[in-house]
Protein backbone atom coordinates (compact mmCIF):
# COMPACT_ATOMS: atom_id res chain seq x y z
CA MET A 1 -29.72 -11.92 -5.08
CA SER A 2 -29.25 -12.46 -8.91
CA ASN A 3 -26.82 -10.46 -10.92
CA GLN A 4 -29.51 -8.83 -12.96
CA ASN A 5 -31.01 -7.21 -9.79
CA ARG A 6 -27.87 -5.57 -8.56
CA ASP A 7 -27.09 -1.89 -8.90
CA TYR A 8 -24.05 -1.50 -11.10
CA PRO A 9 -21.85 1.60 -11.41
CA ALA A 10 -21.49 3.34 -14.70
CA ALA A 11 -19.83 1.47 -17.57
CA SER A 12 -16.91 3.90 -17.76
CA ALA A 13 -16.07 3.33 -14.11
CA VAL A 14 -16.26 -0.34 -14.53
CA GLY A 15 -14.13 -0.23 -17.61
CA GLN A 16 -11.46 1.78 -15.77
CA ALA A 17 -11.55 -0.51 -12.83
CA ARG A 18 -11.03 -3.57 -15.18
CA THR A 19 -8.32 -1.98 -17.38
CA ARG A 20 -5.98 -0.65 -14.66
CA PRO A 21 -5.07 -4.11 -13.27
CA LEU A 22 -4.63 -5.45 -16.79
CA ILE A 23 -2.24 -2.71 -17.69
CA LEU A 24 -0.24 -3.04 -14.51
CA SER A 25 -0.17 -6.85 -14.76
CA ALA A 26 1.12 -6.64 -18.25
CA LEU A 27 3.75 -4.16 -17.06
CA CYS A 28 4.77 -6.48 -14.18
CA ALA A 29 4.99 -9.52 -16.65
CA LEU A 30 7.13 -7.49 -19.01
CA LEU A 31 9.51 -6.30 -16.20
CA THR A 32 9.65 -9.91 -14.89
CA ALA A 33 10.46 -11.28 -18.31
CA ALA A 34 13.14 -8.56 -18.89
CA LEU A 35 14.87 -9.38 -15.58
CA THR A 36 14.69 -13.13 -16.11
CA VAL A 37 16.04 -13.02 -19.67
CA THR A 38 18.89 -10.61 -18.70
CA ILE A 39 20.01 -12.70 -15.66
CA THR A 40 19.66 -16.04 -17.51
CA LEU A 41 21.67 -14.81 -20.46
CA GLU A 42 24.47 -13.91 -18.04
CA PHE A 43 24.17 -17.31 -16.31
CA ASP A 44 24.18 -19.04 -19.74
CA ARG A 45 27.44 -17.14 -20.72
CA PHE A 46 28.98 -18.40 -17.41
CA LEU A 47 27.95 -21.98 -18.01
CA SER A 48 28.94 -22.03 -21.67
CA ILE A 49 32.53 -21.51 -20.59
CA SER A 50 32.79 -24.98 -19.05
CA LEU A 51 29.52 -26.85 -19.70
CA HIS A 52 27.82 -28.33 -22.65
CA GLY A 53 24.95 -30.67 -23.46
CA ALA A 54 22.11 -31.97 -21.27
CA TYR A 55 23.82 -31.10 -17.91
CA LYS A 56 24.11 -27.47 -18.89
CA TRP A 57 20.43 -27.32 -20.10
CA LEU A 58 19.32 -29.01 -16.84
CA LEU A 59 21.15 -26.26 -14.74
CA LEU A 60 19.77 -23.54 -17.01
CA GLY A 61 16.18 -24.78 -16.94
CA LEU A 62 16.19 -24.84 -13.21
CA PHE A 63 17.69 -21.42 -12.99
CA VAL A 64 15.10 -19.87 -15.26
CA VAL A 65 12.27 -21.16 -13.11
CA LEU A 66 13.83 -19.82 -9.96
CA THR A 67 14.76 -16.50 -11.41
CA THR A 68 11.27 -15.99 -12.75
CA TRP A 69 9.92 -16.57 -9.28
CA ILE A 70 12.18 -14.16 -7.56
CA SER A 71 11.76 -11.54 -10.30
CA ALA A 72 7.92 -11.85 -10.18
CA ASN A 73 7.86 -11.14 -6.48
CA PHE A 74 10.41 -8.27 -6.84
CA CYS A 75 8.29 -6.58 -9.58
CA GLN A 76 5.11 -6.99 -7.43
CA SER A 77 6.84 -5.16 -4.56
CA LEU A 78 8.34 -2.54 -6.86
CA ILE A 79 4.96 -1.68 -8.37
CA GLY A 80 3.54 -1.43 -4.81
CA THR A 81 6.46 0.80 -3.69
CA VAL A 82 5.99 3.19 -6.62
CA SER A 83 2.29 3.44 -5.75
CA LEU A 84 3.22 4.31 -2.16
CA LEU A 85 5.68 6.88 -3.34
CA ALA A 86 3.15 8.42 -5.60
CA GLY A 87 0.93 9.25 -2.74
CA ARG A 88 -2.18 7.81 -1.09
CA ARG A 89 -5.19 6.99 -3.39
CA ARG A 90 -8.64 8.05 -2.38
CA GLY A 91 -10.54 5.63 -0.15
CA THR A 92 -14.16 5.10 0.15
CA SER A 93 -15.93 8.10 1.50
CA PRO A 94 -17.64 7.27 4.82
CA SER A 95 -21.44 7.55 4.99
CA ASP A 96 -23.76 8.19 7.87
CA ARG A 97 -25.60 4.98 7.56
CA VAL A 98 -25.88 2.77 10.70
CA ILE A 99 -24.24 -0.66 9.96
CA GLY A 100 -24.21 -2.30 13.32
CA ARG A 101 -27.62 -4.10 13.13
CA ARG A 102 -26.61 -5.59 9.89
CA LEU A 103 -23.11 -6.95 10.99
CA ALA A 104 -22.21 -10.18 12.58
CA VAL A 105 -18.63 -10.64 13.98
CA VAL A 106 -17.78 -14.32 13.70
CA ILE A 107 -14.72 -16.10 15.18
CA PRO A 108 -14.14 -19.79 14.55
CA ILE A 109 -12.02 -21.48 17.18
CA TYR A 110 -10.61 -25.00 17.54
CA GLU A 111 -8.96 -26.12 20.72
CA GLU A 112 -7.52 -22.56 21.45
CA ASP A 113 -6.61 -21.17 24.80
CA PRO A 114 -10.01 -19.86 25.98
CA GLU A 115 -8.37 -17.12 28.18
CA ALA A 116 -6.47 -15.75 25.24
CA VAL A 117 -9.40 -15.75 22.98
CA HIS A 118 -11.53 -14.09 25.77
CA ALA A 119 -8.94 -11.38 26.15
CA GLY A 120 -8.85 -10.52 22.54
CA LEU A 121 -12.63 -10.65 22.01
CA GLU A 122 -13.05 -8.36 25.09
CA GLN A 123 -10.91 -5.75 23.51
CA VAL A 124 -12.41 -6.04 19.99
CA PHE A 125 -16.03 -5.77 21.41
CA ALA A 126 -15.14 -2.78 23.38
CA SER A 127 -13.38 -1.03 20.40
CA LEU A 128 -16.20 -1.76 17.97
CA SER A 129 -18.76 -0.48 20.60
CA THR A 130 -17.10 2.94 20.54
CA GLU A 131 -18.13 3.43 16.90
CA SER A 132 -21.63 4.83 16.86
CA ARG A 133 -22.41 3.42 13.42
CA LEU A 134 -21.42 -0.10 14.57
CA ASN A 135 -23.70 -0.13 17.60
CA GLY A 136 -25.79 -3.23 17.73
CA PHE A 137 -23.42 -5.67 16.05
CA HIS A 138 -23.71 -9.24 17.09
CA LEU A 139 -20.66 -11.52 18.09
CA PHE A 140 -20.67 -15.27 17.35
CA ILE A 141 -18.15 -17.58 18.91
CA LEU A 142 -18.12 -20.59 16.75
CA SER A 143 -16.43 -23.58 18.39
CA ASP A 144 -15.19 -26.68 16.87
CA SER A 145 -13.35 -27.84 19.90
CA ARG A 146 -13.53 -31.47 21.01
CA LYS A 147 -12.11 -31.57 24.56
CA ASP A 148 -14.84 -31.09 27.38
CA GLU A 149 -12.54 -29.02 29.47
CA THR A 150 -11.92 -26.67 26.56
CA ILE A 151 -15.56 -26.34 25.68
CA GLN A 152 -16.53 -25.62 29.47
CA ALA A 153 -13.80 -22.95 29.50
CA GLU A 154 -15.06 -21.30 26.30
CA ILE A 155 -18.67 -21.25 27.63
CA ALA A 156 -17.45 -19.68 30.87
CA ALA A 157 -15.53 -17.08 28.84
CA CYS A 158 -18.66 -16.25 26.80
CA ARG A 159 -20.70 -15.81 29.96
CA HIS A 160 -18.15 -13.40 31.29
CA LEU A 161 -18.28 -11.33 28.08
CA ARG A 162 -22.04 -11.13 28.27
CA LEU A 163 -21.98 -9.93 31.83
CA LYS A 164 -19.23 -7.43 31.26
CA PHE A 165 -20.96 -5.75 28.28
CA ASP A 166 -24.52 -6.47 29.37
CA ALA A 167 -25.01 -8.14 25.94
CA ALA A 168 -26.74 -11.54 26.51
CA ASP A 169 -28.80 -10.66 23.37
CA ARG A 170 -25.76 -9.94 21.25
CA ILE A 171 -23.00 -12.45 22.15
CA PHE A 172 -23.60 -16.11 21.10
CA TYR A 173 -21.70 -19.28 21.54
CA ARG A 174 -22.29 -22.39 19.40
CA GLN A 175 -20.31 -25.69 19.80
CA ARG A 176 -20.49 -27.63 16.60
CA LYS A 177 -20.95 -31.42 17.07
CA ASP A 178 -20.15 -32.32 13.42
CA ASN A 179 -17.01 -30.41 12.52
CA ARG A 180 -16.69 -31.60 8.92
CA GLY A 181 -15.15 -29.05 6.64
CA ARG A 182 -12.86 -27.66 9.39
CA LYS A 183 -12.80 -23.82 9.54
CA ALA A 184 -14.51 -23.52 6.12
CA GLY A 185 -17.31 -25.80 7.24
CA ASN A 186 -17.56 -23.76 10.44
CA ILE A 187 -18.17 -20.51 8.60
CA GLN A 188 -20.48 -22.26 6.13
CA ASP A 189 -22.60 -23.59 9.06
CA PHE A 190 -22.93 -20.00 10.39
CA VAL A 191 -23.89 -18.62 6.91
CA GLU A 192 -26.43 -21.32 6.40
CA THR A 193 -27.87 -21.19 9.97
CA TRP A 194 -27.85 -17.52 11.01
CA GLY A 195 -26.38 -15.65 8.06
CA GLY A 196 -29.83 -14.57 6.67
CA ALA A 197 -30.24 -12.16 9.48
CA TYR A 198 -27.16 -10.23 8.56
CA GLU A 199 -25.88 -8.28 5.56
CA PHE A 200 -22.11 -8.43 6.51
CA ALA A 201 -19.91 -10.73 8.47
CA LEU A 202 -16.45 -9.83 9.86
CA VAL A 203 -14.28 -13.02 10.04
CA LEU A 204 -11.70 -13.20 12.75
CA ASP A 205 -9.15 -15.81 13.76
CA ALA A 206 -8.56 -16.81 17.34
CA ASP A 207 -5.57 -14.43 17.58
CA SER A 208 -7.10 -11.71 15.42
CA ARG A 209 -7.68 -8.18 16.81
CA MET A 210 -9.40 -5.40 14.82
CA ASP A 211 -10.36 -1.87 16.18
CA GLY A 212 -13.56 -0.13 15.51
CA PRO A 213 -12.23 2.44 12.84
CA ALA A 214 -10.84 -0.56 10.78
CA VAL A 215 -14.09 -2.44 10.90
CA GLN A 216 -16.03 0.69 10.05
CA ARG A 217 -13.76 1.22 7.07
CA LEU A 218 -14.54 -2.34 5.70
CA ALA A 219 -18.22 -1.91 6.29
CA ASP A 220 -18.16 1.53 4.33
CA GLU A 221 -16.32 -0.31 1.50
CA LEU A 222 -18.99 -2.94 1.21
CA ASP A 223 -21.92 -0.48 1.90
CA GLY A 224 -20.67 1.82 -0.89
CA ASP A 225 -20.34 -0.85 -3.56
CA PRO A 226 -23.13 -3.42 -4.03
CA GLN A 227 -21.04 -5.51 -6.24
CA LEU A 228 -18.37 -5.94 -3.56
CA GLY A 229 -18.49 -9.51 -2.06
CA LEU A 230 -15.58 -9.37 0.24
CA VAL A 231 -12.81 -6.98 1.31
CA GLN A 232 -9.54 -8.12 2.87
CA THR A 233 -7.31 -6.09 5.11
CA TRP A 234 -3.51 -6.06 5.23
CA VAL A 235 -2.91 -7.91 8.42
CA ARG A 236 0.07 -6.94 10.73
CA PRO A 237 1.50 -9.38 13.22
CA VAL A 238 1.83 -7.86 16.76
CA ARG A 239 2.48 -8.93 20.48
CA GLY A 240 5.47 -11.24 19.55
CA THR A 241 7.55 -11.91 22.60
CA THR A 242 10.32 -14.11 21.02
CA PRO A 243 12.98 -13.05 18.59
CA PHE A 244 11.46 -15.04 15.79
CA GLY A 245 7.99 -13.50 16.36
CA ARG A 246 9.48 -9.96 16.76
CA MET A 247 11.36 -10.26 13.49
CA GLN A 248 8.23 -11.30 11.68
CA GLN A 249 6.15 -8.42 13.01
CA PHE A 250 9.06 -5.92 12.21
CA ALA A 251 9.35 -7.29 8.69
CA THR A 252 5.66 -7.06 7.98
CA SER A 253 5.40 -3.55 9.46
CA VAL A 254 8.35 -2.16 7.48
CA TYR A 255 8.41 -4.15 4.27
CA GLY A 256 4.92 -5.60 3.92
CA GLN A 257 2.88 -2.70 2.79
CA ALA A 258 4.56 -2.44 -0.57
CA SER A 259 3.78 -6.06 -1.24
CA ALA A 260 0.11 -5.68 -0.13
CA GLU A 261 -0.19 -2.58 -2.30
CA GLY A 262 1.16 -4.58 -5.18
CA VAL A 263 -1.47 -7.23 -4.67
CA ARG A 264 -4.16 -4.59 -4.49
CA LEU A 265 -3.19 -3.00 -7.84
CA LEU A 266 -2.33 -6.08 -9.75
CA MET A 267 -5.37 -8.16 -8.67
CA GLY A 268 -7.94 -5.31 -8.72
CA ASP A 269 -11.38 -6.74 -8.30
CA SER A 270 -10.12 -10.29 -8.32
CA ALA A 271 -8.00 -9.96 -5.21
CA THR A 272 -7.27 -12.67 -2.51
CA TYR A 273 -8.76 -13.71 0.77
CA TRP A 274 -6.55 -14.79 3.63
CA GLY A 275 -9.33 -16.21 5.77
CA HIS A 276 -9.54 -13.76 8.52
CA ASN A 277 -9.53 -10.03 9.34
CA ALA A 278 -11.84 -9.60 6.42
CA MET A 279 -15.46 -8.68 5.87
CA MET A 280 -17.89 -10.44 3.55
CA ARG A 281 -21.22 -9.79 2.11
CA VAL A 282 -23.14 -12.73 3.58
CA GLN A 283 -25.43 -13.16 0.66
CA ALA A 284 -22.57 -13.33 -1.79
CA PHE A 285 -20.86 -15.98 0.42
CA ALA A 286 -24.00 -17.94 0.65
CA GLU A 287 -24.43 -17.87 -3.15
CA CYS A 288 -20.89 -18.87 -4.15
CA CYS A 289 -18.86 -20.37 -1.38
CA GLY A 290 -20.11 -23.87 -0.42
CA LEU A 291 -17.07 -25.83 -1.12
CA ALA A 292 -17.16 -29.38 -2.49
CA GLU A 293 -14.42 -31.84 -1.84
CA LEU A 294 -11.72 -32.35 -4.42
CA PRO A 295 -11.61 -35.56 -6.37
CA GLY A 296 -9.47 -38.20 -4.77
CA HIS A 297 -8.22 -38.74 -1.25
CA ALA A 298 -6.18 -36.58 1.03
CA PRO A 299 -3.63 -35.13 0.94
CA LEU A 300 -4.12 -33.83 -2.56
CA GLY A 301 -7.87 -34.55 -2.68
CA GLY A 302 -10.74 -34.43 -0.23
CA GLU A 303 -11.41 -31.40 2.00
CA ILE A 304 -9.76 -28.20 0.63
CA LEU A 305 -7.38 -26.92 3.41
CA SER A 306 -6.55 -23.46 1.99
CA HIS A 307 -10.15 -22.73 1.53
CA ASP A 308 -9.73 -18.87 1.54
CA PHE A 309 -8.08 -18.61 -1.99
CA VAL A 310 -10.79 -20.88 -3.32
CA GLU A 311 -13.62 -18.90 -1.85
CA ALA A 312 -12.31 -15.67 -3.34
CA ALA A 313 -12.07 -17.30 -6.68
CA MET A 314 -15.77 -18.68 -6.25
CA LEU A 315 -16.95 -15.14 -5.38
CA ARG A 316 -15.31 -13.72 -8.53
CA ARG A 317 -16.76 -16.48 -10.55
CA GLY A 318 -20.13 -15.67 -9.22
CA GLY A 319 -19.74 -11.93 -10.39
CA TRP A 320 -18.73 -10.40 -7.14
CA LYS A 321 -15.63 -8.25 -6.52
CA VAL A 322 -13.13 -9.14 -4.01
CA LYS A 323 -10.65 -6.27 -2.91
CA VAL A 324 -7.60 -5.83 -0.70
CA VAL A 325 -7.21 -2.71 1.46
CA ALA A 326 -3.47 -2.05 1.79
CA ASP A 327 -3.78 0.83 4.13
CA ARG A 328 -2.16 0.69 7.63
CA LEU A 329 -5.49 0.03 9.43
CA GLY A 330 -5.94 -1.49 12.97
CA SER A 331 -5.94 -5.08 11.71
CA PHE A 332 -3.70 -7.39 13.66
CA GLU A 333 -2.83 -11.01 14.29
CA GLU A 334 -0.14 -12.74 16.45
CA PRO A 335 3.00 -14.38 14.81
CA PRO A 336 4.05 -17.87 15.47
CA PRO A 337 6.64 -17.83 18.35
CA SER A 338 9.29 -19.95 16.70
CA LEU A 339 10.46 -21.51 13.46
CA LEU A 340 9.06 -24.87 14.62
CA ALA A 341 5.64 -23.46 15.16
CA HIS A 342 5.90 -21.61 11.87
CA ALA A 343 6.90 -24.81 10.02
CA ALA A 344 3.95 -26.79 11.52
CA ARG A 345 1.54 -24.12 10.18
CA ASP A 346 3.38 -24.07 6.87
CA ARG A 347 3.00 -27.81 6.52
CA ARG A 348 -0.82 -27.40 6.38
CA TRP A 349 -0.53 -24.50 4.01
CA CYS A 350 1.77 -26.44 1.74
CA GLN A 351 -0.74 -29.12 1.41
CA GLY A 352 -3.61 -26.75 0.73
CA ASN A 353 -1.64 -24.75 -1.89
CA LEU A 354 -0.57 -27.99 -3.71
CA GLN A 355 -4.46 -28.99 -3.76
CA HIS A 356 -4.96 -25.75 -5.79
CA ILE A 357 -3.16 -27.26 -8.83
CA GLN A 358 -6.33 -29.27 -9.58
CA LEU A 359 -8.25 -25.97 -9.70
CA LEU A 360 -6.05 -24.44 -12.36
CA VAL A 361 -8.28 -26.03 -15.02
CA ALA A 362 -11.63 -25.61 -13.16
CA ASP A 363 -14.43 -24.00 -15.16
CA GLY A 364 -15.18 -20.36 -14.82
CA ILE A 365 -12.22 -19.35 -12.69
CA GLY A 366 -10.67 -16.02 -13.90
CA TRP A 367 -7.05 -15.86 -15.01
CA THR A 368 -6.03 -13.71 -12.04
CA ASN A 369 -7.22 -16.38 -9.57
CA ARG A 370 -5.69 -19.05 -11.66
CA LEU A 371 -2.40 -17.19 -11.52
CA HIS A 372 -2.80 -16.88 -7.78
CA PHE A 373 -3.32 -20.59 -7.34
CA PHE A 374 -0.19 -21.21 -9.39
CA MET A 375 1.95 -18.77 -7.59
CA GLY A 376 0.77 -20.20 -4.20
CA ALA A 377 1.77 -23.70 -5.34
CA LEU A 378 5.05 -22.47 -6.69
CA ALA A 379 5.81 -20.83 -3.34
CA TYR A 380 6.40 -24.42 -2.03
CA LEU A 381 7.47 -26.16 -5.12
CA ALA A 382 10.23 -23.57 -5.54
CA SER A 383 12.07 -25.22 -2.55
CA PRO A 384 12.67 -28.68 -4.20
CA ILE A 385 13.62 -26.84 -7.44
CA TRP A 386 16.20 -24.85 -5.40
CA MET A 387 17.51 -27.96 -3.90
CA MET A 388 17.82 -29.74 -7.24
CA PHE A 389 19.63 -26.72 -8.59
CA LEU A 390 22.05 -26.74 -5.64
CA VAL A 391 22.55 -30.46 -5.82
CA VAL A 392 23.18 -30.54 -9.63
CA GLY A 393 25.51 -27.56 -9.38
CA ALA A 394 27.38 -29.19 -6.42
CA VAL A 395 27.87 -32.39 -8.50
CA GLY A 396 29.37 -30.47 -11.41
CA LEU A 397 31.67 -28.71 -8.97
CA LEU A 398 32.84 -31.90 -7.23
CA SER A 399 33.66 -33.47 -10.54
CA THR A 400 36.65 -31.19 -10.69
CA ALA A 401 38.06 -32.49 -7.45
CA PRO A 402 40.84 -35.09 -7.58
CA GLY A 403 39.91 -38.67 -7.41
CA LEU A 404 36.41 -38.19 -8.76
CA SER A 405 37.07 -38.95 -12.43
CA ALA A 406 33.91 -41.16 -12.69
CA ILE A 407 31.79 -38.13 -11.95
CA SER A 408 33.92 -35.95 -14.13
CA GLU A 409 33.36 -38.24 -17.08
CA ALA A 410 29.66 -38.12 -16.48
CA ALA A 411 29.43 -34.37 -16.04
CA PRO A 412 32.59 -32.79 -17.26
CA VAL A 413 33.27 -29.40 -15.88
CA SER A 414 36.39 -27.28 -16.18
CA LEU A 415 37.14 -23.89 -14.75
CA PRO A 416 39.86 -22.25 -16.85
CA SER A 417 41.89 -19.39 -15.44
CA ASP A 418 40.58 -17.00 -18.11
CA VAL A 419 36.96 -17.04 -16.93
CA HIS A 420 35.71 -13.40 -17.52
CA VAL A 421 32.27 -13.92 -15.86
CA ASP A 422 32.27 -13.13 -12.19
CA PRO A 423 30.32 -15.88 -10.32
CA TRP A 424 29.76 -13.53 -7.42
CA LEU A 425 27.57 -11.36 -9.80
CA LEU A 426 25.29 -14.20 -10.21
CA VAL A 427 24.77 -14.43 -6.49
CA ALA A 428 24.58 -10.67 -6.05
CA ILE A 429 21.84 -10.17 -8.46
CA PRO A 430 19.16 -12.45 -6.95
CA LEU A 431 20.15 -11.35 -3.50
CA GLY A 432 19.77 -7.82 -4.65
CA MET A 433 16.18 -8.51 -5.85
CA LEU A 434 15.33 -10.15 -2.44
CA PHE A 435 16.96 -7.36 -0.34
CA LEU A 436 16.21 -4.20 -2.33
CA PRO A 437 12.42 -4.14 -1.40
CA LYS A 438 13.47 -4.47 2.20
CA VAL A 439 15.96 -1.46 1.84
CA ILE A 440 13.23 0.60 0.03
CA GLY A 441 10.69 -0.27 2.74
CA THR A 442 13.12 0.86 5.39
CA LEU A 443 13.84 4.08 3.68
CA LEU A 444 10.11 4.82 3.20
CA THR A 445 9.58 4.15 6.83
CA MET A 446 12.41 6.44 7.77
CA ALA A 447 10.94 9.12 5.64
CA ASP A 448 7.77 9.09 7.53
CA PRO A 449 8.24 10.88 10.90
CA VAL A 450 5.50 9.05 12.79
CA LEU A 451 6.53 5.56 11.46
CA ARG A 452 10.18 6.31 12.04
CA ARG A 453 9.65 7.17 15.74
CA GLY A 454 7.33 4.07 15.96
CA HIS A 455 10.07 1.82 14.89
CA GLY A 456 12.67 3.30 17.23
CA GLY A 457 14.29 5.94 15.10
CA VAL A 458 16.86 5.79 12.26
CA LEU A 459 19.52 3.73 14.02
CA ALA A 460 17.08 1.18 15.34
CA LEU A 461 15.42 0.82 11.93
CA PHE A 462 18.85 0.31 10.26
CA PHE A 463 20.14 -2.25 12.74
CA SER A 464 16.82 -4.10 12.81
CA MET A 465 16.89 -4.20 8.96
CA LEU A 466 20.41 -5.69 9.00
CA ALA A 467 19.59 -8.18 11.68
CA GLU A 468 16.33 -9.33 9.83
CA MET A 469 18.31 -9.73 6.52
CA VAL A 470 21.02 -11.83 8.26
CA PHE A 471 18.43 -14.03 9.98
CA SER A 472 16.23 -14.41 6.89
CA THR A 473 19.30 -15.42 4.87
CA LEU A 474 20.38 -17.97 7.31
CA ASN A 475 16.76 -19.10 7.65
CA ALA A 476 16.24 -19.61 4.00
CA PRO A 477 18.19 -22.92 3.38
CA VAL A 478 16.40 -24.56 6.43
CA MET A 479 12.99 -23.52 4.98
CA MET A 480 14.02 -24.93 1.60
CA LEU A 481 14.76 -28.31 3.24
CA LEU A 482 11.53 -28.21 5.24
CA HIS A 483 9.46 -27.24 2.25
CA THR A 484 11.07 -30.01 0.17
CA ARG A 485 10.28 -32.53 2.89
CA PHE A 486 6.63 -31.22 3.09
CA VAL A 487 6.23 -31.52 -0.73
CA GLY A 488 7.73 -35.08 -0.60
CA GLU A 489 5.34 -36.17 2.17
CA ILE A 490 2.38 -34.81 0.39
CA ILE A 491 3.21 -36.48 -2.84
CA ALA A 492 3.89 -39.72 -0.84
CA GLY A 493 0.29 -39.40 0.67
CA ALA A 494 0.76 -38.01 4.14
CA SER A 495 -1.80 -35.55 5.15
CA SER A 496 -1.20 -32.74 7.72
CA GLY A 497 -4.37 -33.42 9.83
CA TRP A 498 -6.10 -30.71 11.73
CA LYS A 499 -4.07 -29.48 14.74
CA PRO A 500 -4.45 -26.15 16.74
CA GLY A 501 -1.71 -23.65 16.11
CA LYS A 502 0.90 -22.91 18.77
CA ARG A 503 0.63 -19.16 19.73
CA THR A 504 2.33 -18.75 23.14
CA GLY A 505 5.93 -17.55 23.30
CA GLU A 506 7.67 -20.51 25.07
CA GLN A 507 11.36 -21.56 24.77
CA ALA A 508 11.40 -24.47 22.24
CA ALA A 509 12.60 -27.74 23.86
CA LEU A 510 16.11 -28.69 22.93
CA VAL A 511 15.09 -32.32 22.14
CA ASP A 512 12.44 -31.01 19.62
CA VAL A 513 14.96 -28.55 18.06
CA LEU A 514 17.66 -31.20 17.60
CA SER A 515 15.07 -33.68 16.13
CA ALA A 516 14.05 -31.11 13.66
CA HIS A 517 17.50 -29.81 12.71
CA GLY A 518 19.81 -32.70 13.31
CA VAL A 519 19.68 -33.71 9.56
CA HIS A 520 19.96 -30.04 8.46
CA MET A 521 23.22 -29.62 10.42
CA MET A 522 24.70 -32.83 9.19
CA ILE A 523 23.96 -31.84 5.56
CA GLY A 524 25.60 -28.49 6.28
CA VAL A 525 28.83 -30.03 7.61
CA VAL A 526 29.05 -32.63 4.81
CA ALA A 527 28.40 -29.88 2.06
CA ALA A 528 31.01 -27.58 3.55
CA ALA A 529 33.66 -30.33 3.56
CA ALA A 530 32.86 -31.47 0.03
CA ILE A 531 32.57 -28.05 -1.57
CA GLY A 532 35.61 -26.66 0.30
CA TRP A 533 37.58 -29.73 -1.06
CA ALA A 534 36.72 -28.83 -4.59
CA SER A 535 36.89 -25.02 -4.49
CA LEU A 536 37.48 -22.52 -1.80
CA GLU A 537 35.79 -19.79 -3.78
CA ALA A 538 32.71 -21.90 -4.22
CA LEU A 539 32.66 -22.52 -0.51
CA ALA A 540 32.80 -18.77 0.10
CA ILE A 541 29.84 -18.31 -2.34
CA ALA A 542 27.84 -21.08 -0.67
CA SER A 543 28.72 -19.99 2.82
CA PRO A 544 25.24 -18.32 3.59
CA VAL A 545 23.56 -21.58 2.75
CA ILE A 546 26.05 -23.82 4.67
CA ALA A 547 26.11 -21.47 7.63
CA GLY A 548 22.24 -21.48 7.90
CA LEU A 549 22.22 -25.33 7.92
CA ILE A 550 25.00 -25.80 10.39
CA LEU A 551 23.62 -23.04 12.84
CA SER A 552 19.97 -24.08 12.37
CA ALA A 553 19.54 -25.61 15.79
CA PRO A 554 21.14 -22.79 17.83
CA LEU A 555 19.29 -20.19 15.64
CA THR A 556 15.95 -21.92 16.45
CA MET A 557 16.72 -22.15 20.23
CA ALA A 558 17.65 -18.44 20.21
CA GLY A 559 14.73 -17.49 18.11
CA SER A 560 12.25 -19.05 20.45
CA SER A 561 13.64 -17.34 23.65
CA PRO A 562 11.22 -14.92 25.30
CA ALA A 563 14.15 -13.65 27.42
CA LEU A 564 16.09 -12.76 24.35
CA GLY A 565 13.01 -11.32 22.80
CA ALA A 566 12.50 -8.99 25.90
CA ALA A 567 16.20 -7.96 25.74
CA MET A 568 15.82 -7.01 21.94
CA ARG A 569 12.78 -4.87 22.89
CA ARG A 570 14.67 -3.09 25.60
CA VAL A 571 17.38 -2.03 23.12
CA GLY A 572 14.86 -1.11 20.37
CA LEU A 573 15.59 -4.14 18.01
CA TYR A 574 12.66 -5.08 15.97
CA LEU A 575 10.49 -2.34 17.47
CA ILE A 576 7.06 -1.55 16.00
CA PRO A 577 4.71 1.36 16.49
CA GLU A 578 2.25 -0.91 18.30
CA GLU A 579 4.76 -1.42 21.06
CA VAL A 580 5.79 2.28 21.35
CA HIS A 581 2.08 3.45 21.57
CA PRO A 582 -0.09 0.34 21.95
CA PRO A 583 -3.60 0.84 20.70
CA LYS A 584 -6.29 0.02 23.22
CA VAL A 585 -7.41 -3.04 21.20
CA LEU A 586 -4.03 -4.64 21.87
CA THR A 587 -3.94 -3.85 25.56
CA ASP A 588 -5.44 -6.60 27.78
CA GLY A 589 -7.11 -5.87 31.05
CA GLY A 590 -8.14 -2.24 30.13
């Protein structure tokens, strides 16, 4: 369909839709700049007491980058929070049009547990079938699996679904022989081979679950706006059995909506796509989203790993809208069960996001999508910048210690007794910006009677928030070192490959945990001894970072324990509404 043949809304409505995100983005930029300048001036005043020259400017430059990053994320959540406090905006009015015959539900899979996929699809199919206007939809299981035993199990699961729902003409299985392009190529193959028969396609992951009302809402959004090419839901993790998984689902449920609402408001019609739990207009995707390989070889060239961000940008470049729905719909996924499983997935995302740096100068990409590419890359580049900042600061501090006169001459630092700038303040402000959205999200949840009960009540919410803050603080330095390693490996030319994600909640093996965290614990011990030798006050300030490193192995072991996760659930820690009153789409065997 050409742009000329589309039905466009009135010019005034289009103007308002385009102007609102621009105004809010400008406000977010101003708030970010104001916070960054204010904090940086305070830090500069602190440094100027004892530092001068290139060493000072290096520390200050690193600090500016990190503070801007924290401030930008804080302001996004703040804008989302204000919107939620102001009340719910009007959604798309449902129509009476039957959408089912125009809808395909597609689930690309690669070496997944066939029984788990089957259980999820059974509940999704049943839930969608209860919506009268979705009757007649078709389900496509798109396999890229390579192992014969996995393929045979997938075929058996598909046959069982067909028999259960008497839907041999509505449930289809395809095993792709040539799996180039990975997931993006799998979806592209569907669009090119079968997509012409459908107007809309709901894209799910192997661990996705969506209920009928949520899918109907997305279909109404697309049906009501012929310019809308894709609509993405806010996805909530559920069914976590380990402390790590339960913490993630609690954090998303309580804090996540403000951030998603901020994305919705700031990105407007140029929003993002997270690759699943979203509905696309098939013709728009066919027009715009055939992805070429990036120049050069992997890991920074070749196949695009984080294809979803790019596909959203390509849709927007083609004149289509891309929106995020930040409402609390029945749109779910499963969290990784441990920090090690999370890190394995993050390694692939890191490579994909760094690939996007090439696209910052691509022709026709809107500024909102370019900014999204940049922020995605910075999410991983921030870790090596943090590490450089901490190392440079530690070198300056250690130069004050006895016997290190050579370092002292290279980077002279003196801490006079009349320092009037409280160094604790410089720690408290960034931590405040990280924690304040969590506190506000918890208070908003407490103020809603239904959500408050669904999260276990006031006391359970409060203690769960404190436990999540402590764990995320201790976990941050470990992720900093992991991300720094990932970035270094990618720059050195190591690609992540294509491995299936680990989704089951099993206790991590001690040998794997020690292999992953042995270096982290050693760094923590050495840093504690060195910094404590130079300054006990500095050791106290750095204690969250050092404690997180020293305790990394036991924390990962505890975080991957299903038994400890079950105990947390019994006492109401990290409780979410989907556990208190599980929706049918999350209940297997019903």
